[in-house]
Amino acid sequence: MRVIPANHETRMRIVVTAEMTAQFEEMGEVHPVYATYWLTRHMELAGRKLILLF
């Protein structure tokens, strides 16, 4: 297994759109904020970009 340096980082810039807000099927938009689903998806992508270098 390769070692990832302690200070290694990656960054992503995300612009939250209306599609990325908290919404439920029959209720529609619940809160006009970044939904957990999208936050998690983008964190997964950032993590993947970070480890692919190693």
PDB file of N, CA and C in Angstrom:
ATOM      1  N   MET A   1       0.839  -1.181   0.000  1.00  0.00           N
ATOM      2  CA  MET A   1       0.000   0.000   0.000  1.00  0.00           C
ATOM      3  C   MET A   1       0.885   1.247   0.000  1.00  0.00           C
ATOM      4  N   ARG A   2       0.527   2.209  -0.799  1.00  0.00           N
ATOM      5  CA  ARG A   2       1.291   3.451  -0.867  1.00  0.00           C
ATOM      6  C   ARG A   2       0.852   4.403   0.242  1.00  0.00           C
ATOM      7  N   VAL A   3       1.785   5.205   0.678  1.00  0.00           N
ATOM      8  CA  VAL A   3       1.500   6.174   1.739  1.00  0.00           C
ATOM      9  C   VAL A   3       1.088   7.499   1.111  1.00  0.00           C
ATOM     10  N   ILE A   4       0.008   8.064   1.613  1.00  0.00           N
ATOM     11  CA  ILE A   4      -0.438   9.392   1.174  1.00  0.00           C
ATOM     12  C   ILE A   4       0.119  10.393   2.174  1.00  0.00           C
ATOM     13  N   PRO A   5       0.889  11.393   1.727  1.00  0.00           N
ATOM     14  CA  PRO A   5       1.464  12.366   2.645  1.00  0.00           C
ATOM     15  C   PRO A   5       0.391  13.046   3.500  1.00  0.00           C
ATOM     16  N   ALA A   6       0.745  13.327   4.748  1.00  0.00           N
ATOM     17  CA  ALA A   6      -0.206  13.910   5.703  1.00  0.00           C
ATOM     18  C   ALA A   6      -0.807  15.227   5.224  1.00  0.00           C
ATOM     19  N   ASN A   7      -0.045  16.041   4.539  1.00  0.00           N
ATOM     20  CA  ASN A   7      -0.543  17.357   4.122  1.00  0.00           C
ATOM     21  C   ASN A   7      -1.110  17.382   2.709  1.00  0.00           C
ATOM     22  N   HIS A   8      -1.226  16.233   2.087  1.00  0.00           N
ATOM     23  CA  HIS A   8      -1.750  16.186   0.719  1.00  0.00           C
ATOM     24  C   HIS A   8      -3.229  16.556   0.732  1.00  0.00           C
ATOM     25  N   GLU A   9      -3.654  17.342  -0.222  1.00  0.00           N
ATOM     26  CA  GLU A   9      -5.062  17.747  -0.269  1.00  0.00           C
ATOM     27  C   GLU A   9      -5.534  17.882  -1.700  1.00  0.00           C
ATOM     28  N   THR A  10      -6.826  17.920  -1.850  1.00  0.00           N
ATOM     29  CA  THR A  10      -7.447  18.192  -3.134  1.00  0.00           C
ATOM     30  C   THR A  10      -8.591  19.159  -2.884  1.00  0.00           C
ATOM     31  N   ARG A  11      -8.964  19.893  -3.886  1.00  0.00           N
ATOM     32  CA  ARG A  11     -10.054  20.858  -3.743  1.00  0.00           C
ATOM     33  C   ARG A  11     -11.003  20.739  -4.916  1.00  0.00           C
ATOM     34  N   MET A  12     -12.249  20.994  -4.615  1.00  0.00           N
ATOM     35  CA  MET A  12     -13.281  21.047  -5.651  1.00  0.00           C
ATOM     36  C   MET A  12     -14.114  22.289  -5.380  1.00  0.00           C
ATOM     37  N   ARG A  13     -14.510  22.926  -6.421  1.00  0.00           N
ATOM     38  CA  ARG A  13     -15.396  24.080  -6.275  1.00  0.00           C
ATOM     39  C   ARG A  13     -16.766  23.640  -6.778  1.00  0.00           C
ATOM     40  N   ILE A  14     -17.762  23.760  -5.924  1.00  0.00           N
ATOM     41  CA  ILE A  14     -19.122  23.338  -6.245  1.00  0.00           C
ATOM     42  C   ILE A  14     -20.041  24.549  -6.179  1.00  0.00           C
ATOM     43  N   VAL A  15     -20.835  24.736  -7.189  1.00  0.00           N
ATOM     44  CA  VAL A  15     -21.884  25.756  -7.173  1.00  0.00           C
ATOM     45  C   VAL A  15     -23.195  25.005  -6.984  1.00  0.00           C
ATOM     46  N   VAL A  16     -23.839  25.245  -5.856  1.00  0.00           N
ATOM     47  CA  VAL A  16     -25.086  24.544  -5.548  1.00  0.00           C
ATOM     48  C   VAL A  16     -26.213  25.128  -6.393  1.00  0.00           C
ATOM     49  N   THR A  17     -26.860  24.255  -7.142  1.00  0.00           N
ATOM     50  CA  THR A  17     -27.981  24.661  -7.988  1.00  0.00           C
ATOM     51  C   THR A  17     -29.290  24.235  -7.329  1.00  0.00           C
ATOM     52  N   ALA A  18     -30.392  24.661  -7.876  1.00  0.00           N
ATOM     53  CA  ALA A  18     -31.709  24.291  -7.340  1.00  0.00           C
ATOM     54  C   ALA A  18     -31.879  22.774  -7.322  1.00  0.00           C
ATOM     55  N   GLU A  19     -31.290  22.093  -8.296  1.00  0.00           N
ATOM     56  CA  GLU A  19     -31.363  20.629  -8.358  1.00  0.00           C
ATOM     57  C   GLU A  19     -30.681  19.968  -7.155  1.00  0.00           C
ATOM     58  N   MET A  20     -29.723  20.654  -6.539  1.00  0.00           N
ATOM     59  CA  MET A  20     -28.943  20.085  -5.439  1.00  0.00           C
ATOM     60  C   MET A  20     -29.485  20.429  -4.060  1.00  0.00           C
ATOM     61  N   THR A  21     -30.669  20.982  -3.971  1.00  0.00           N
ATOM     62  CA  THR A  21     -31.241  21.320  -2.669  1.00  0.00           C
ATOM     63  C   THR A  21     -32.026  20.145  -2.108  1.00  0.00           C
ATOM     64  N   ALA A  22     -32.320  20.214  -0.821  1.00  0.00           N
ATOM     65  CA  ALA A  22     -33.053  19.138  -0.141  1.00  0.00           C
ATOM     66  C   ALA A  22     -34.477  19.063  -0.679  1.00  0.00           C
ATOM     67  N   GLN A  23     -34.786  17.942  -1.324  1.00  0.00           N
ATOM     68  CA  GLN A  23     -36.110  17.747  -1.919  1.00  0.00           C
ATOM     69  C   GLN A  23     -36.605  16.336  -1.627  1.00  0.00           C
ATOM     70  N   PHE A  24     -37.899  16.207  -1.474  1.00  0.00           N
ATOM     71  CA  PHE A  24     -38.521  14.902  -1.295  1.00  0.00           C
ATOM     72  C   PHE A  24     -39.622  14.769  -2.326  1.00  0.00           C
ATOM     73  N   GLU A  25     -39.823  13.556  -2.802  1.00  0.00           N
ATOM     74  CA  GLU A  25     -40.717  13.289  -3.935  1.00  0.00           C
ATOM     75  C   GLU A  25     -42.019  14.078  -3.921  1.00  0.00           C
ATOM     76  N   GLU A  26     -42.909  13.758  -3.010  1.00  0.00           N
ATOM     77  CA  GLU A  26     -44.217  14.418  -3.034  1.00  0.00           C
ATOM     78  C   GLU A  26     -44.214  15.779  -2.340  1.00  0.00           C
ATOM     79  N   MET A  27     -43.170  16.073  -1.568  1.00  0.00           N
ATOM     80  CA  MET A  27     -43.109  17.338  -0.830  1.00  0.00           C
ATOM     81  C   MET A  27     -42.384  18.441  -1.597  1.00  0.00           C
ATOM     82  N   GLY A  28     -41.618  18.066  -2.603  1.00  0.00           N
ATOM     83  CA  GLY A  28     -40.834  19.051  -3.338  1.00  0.00           C
ATOM     84  C   GLY A  28     -39.672  19.547  -2.489  1.00  0.00           C
ATOM     85  N   GLU A  29     -39.246  20.777  -2.734  1.00  0.00           N
ATOM     86  CA  GLU A  29     -38.125  21.340  -1.986  1.00  0.00           C
ATOM     87  C   GLU A  29     -38.522  21.552  -0.533  1.00  0.00           C
ATOM     88  N   VAL A  30     -37.704  21.033   0.365  1.00  0.00           N
ATOM     89  CA  VAL A  30     -37.966  21.162   1.796  1.00  0.00           C
ATOM     90  C   VAL A  30     -37.158  22.311   2.379  1.00  0.00           C
ATOM     91  N   HIS A  31     -35.888  22.388   2.008  1.00  0.00           N
ATOM     92  CA  HIS A  31     -34.994  23.445   2.477  1.00  0.00           C
ATOM     93  C   HIS A  31     -34.153  23.906   1.286  1.00  0.00           C
ATOM     94  N   PRO A  32     -33.959  25.190   1.129  1.00  0.00           N
ATOM     95  CA  PRO A  32     -33.141  25.672   0.003  1.00  0.00           C
ATOM     96  C   PRO A  32     -31.641  25.626   0.322  1.00  0.00           C
ATOM     97  N   VAL A  33     -31.171  24.454   0.753  1.00  0.00           N
ATOM     98  CA  VAL A  33     -29.758  24.271   1.100  1.00  0.00           C
ATOM     99  C   VAL A  33     -29.205  23.027   0.411  1.00  0.00           C
ATOM    100  N   TYR A  34     -27.903  22.914   0.389  1.00  0.00           N
ATOM    101  CA  TYR A  34     -27.161  21.795  -0.197  1.00  0.00           C
ATOM    102  C   TYR A  34     -27.614  20.484   0.446  1.00  0.00           C
ATOM    103  N   ALA A  35     -28.183  19.602  -0.342  1.00  0.00           N
ATOM    104  CA  ALA A  35     -28.719  18.338   0.166  1.00  0.00           C
ATOM    105  C   ALA A  35     -27.604  17.367   0.549  1.00  0.00           C
ATOM    106  N   THR A  36     -27.864  16.563   1.565  1.00  0.00           N
ATOM    107  CA  THR A  36     -26.905  15.572   2.043  1.00  0.00           C
ATOM    108  C   THR A  36     -26.475  14.623   0.926  1.00  0.00           C
ATOM    109  N   TYR A  37     -27.405  14.215   0.084  1.00  0.00           N
ATOM    110  CA  TYR A  37     -27.077  13.324  -1.034  1.00  0.00           C
ATOM    111  C   TYR A  37     -25.957  13.917  -1.888  1.00  0.00           C
ATOM    112  N   TRP A  38     -26.102  15.170  -2.267  1.00  0.00           N
ATOM    113  CA  TRP A  38     -25.111  15.809  -3.133  1.00  0.00           C
ATOM    114  C   TRP A  38     -23.803  16.045  -2.396  1.00  0.00           C
ATOM    115  N   LEU A  39     -23.874  16.446  -1.142  1.00  0.00           N
ATOM    116  CA  LEU A  39     -22.667  16.652  -0.341  1.00  0.00           C
ATOM    117  C   LEU A  39     -21.846  15.369  -0.290  1.00  0.00           C
ATOM    118  N   THR A  40     -22.511  14.252  -0.002  1.00  0.00           N
ATOM    119  CA  THR A  40     -21.836  12.962   0.079  1.00  0.00           C
ATOM    120  C   THR A  40     -21.258  12.556  -1.275  1.00  0.00           C
ATOM    121  N   ARG A  41     -22.017  12.765  -2.310  1.00  0.00           N
ATOM    122  CA  ARG A  41     -21.546  12.426  -3.661  1.00  0.00           C
ATOM    123  C   ARG A  41     -20.283  13.216  -4.018  1.00  0.00           C
ATOM    124  N   HIS A  42     -20.283  14.509  -3.703  1.00  0.00           N
ATOM    125  CA  HIS A  42     -19.127  15.340  -4.014  1.00  0.00           C
ATOM    126  C   HIS A  42     -17.932  14.999  -3.121  1.00  0.00           C
ATOM    127  N   MET A  43     -18.181  14.604  -1.867  1.00  0.00           N
ATOM    128  CA  MET A  43     -17.083  14.171  -0.995  1.00  0.00           C
ATOM    129  C   MET A  43     -16.446  12.888  -1.534  1.00  0.00           C
ATOM    130  N   GLU A  44     -17.269  11.968  -2.020  1.00  0.00           N
ATOM    131  CA  GLU A  44     -16.761  10.730  -2.631  1.00  0.00           C
ATOM    132  C   GLU A  44     -15.882  11.054  -3.837  1.00  0.00           C
ATOM    133  N   LEU A  45     -16.334  11.968  -4.659  1.00  0.00           N
ATOM    134  CA  LEU A  45     -15.578  12.352  -5.847  1.00  0.00           C
ATOM    135  C   LEU A  45     -14.241  12.991  -5.468  1.00  0.00           C
ATOM    136  N   ALA A  46     -14.250  13.877  -4.485  1.00  0.00           N
ATOM    137  CA  ALA A  46     -13.007  14.514  -4.036  1.00  0.00           C
ATOM    138  C   ALA A  46     -12.040  13.470  -3.479  1.00  0.00           C
ATOM    139  N   GLY A  47     -12.557  12.538  -2.689  1.00  0.00           N
ATOM    140  CA  GLY A  47     -11.712  11.473  -2.140  1.00  0.00           C
ATOM    141  C   GLY A  47     -11.109  10.611  -3.233  1.00  0.00           C
ATOM    142  N   ARG A  48     -11.907  10.315  -4.220  1.00  0.00           N
ATOM    143  CA  ARG A  48     -11.435   9.501  -5.352  1.00  0.00           C
ATOM    144  C   ARG A  48     -10.326  10.225  -6.109  1.00  0.00           C
ATOM    145  N   LYS A  49     -10.526  11.521  -6.363  1.00  0.00           N
ATOM    146  CA  LYS A  49      -9.502  12.298  -7.066  1.00  0.00           C
ATOM    147  C   LYS A  49      -8.207  12.346  -6.267  1.00  0.00           C
ATOM    148  N   LEU A  50      -8.326  12.389  -4.951  1.00  0.00           N
ATOM    149  CA  LEU A  50      -7.159  12.442  -4.083  1.00  0.00           C
ATOM    150  C   LEU A  50      -6.349  11.148  -4.152  1.00  0.00           C
ATOM    151  N   ILE A  51      -7.018  10.002  -4.021  1.00  0.00           N
ATOM    152  CA  ILE A  51      -6.270   8.740  -3.963  1.00  0.00           C
ATOM    153  C   ILE A  51      -5.824   8.228  -5.324  1.00  0.00           C
ATOM    154  N   LEU A  52      -6.449   8.670  -6.395  1.00  0.00           N
ATOM    155  CA  LEU A  52      -6.032   8.208  -7.724  1.00  0.00           C
ATOM    156  C   LEU A  52      -4.605   8.628  -8.071  1.00  0.00           C
ATOM    157  N   LEU A  53      -4.116   9.664  -7.424  1.00  0.00           N
ATOM    158  CA  LEU A  53      -2.747  10.121  -7.676  1.00  0.00           C
ATOM    159  C   LEU A  53      -1.712   9.146  -7.113  1.00  0.00           C
ATOM    160  N   PHE A  54      -2.152   8.254  -6.259  1.00  0.00           N
ATOM    161  CA  PHE A  54      -1.248   7.304  -5.617  1.00  0.00           C
ATOM    162  C   PHE A  54      -1.569   5.913  -6.075  1.00  0.00           C
TER     163      PHE A  54
END
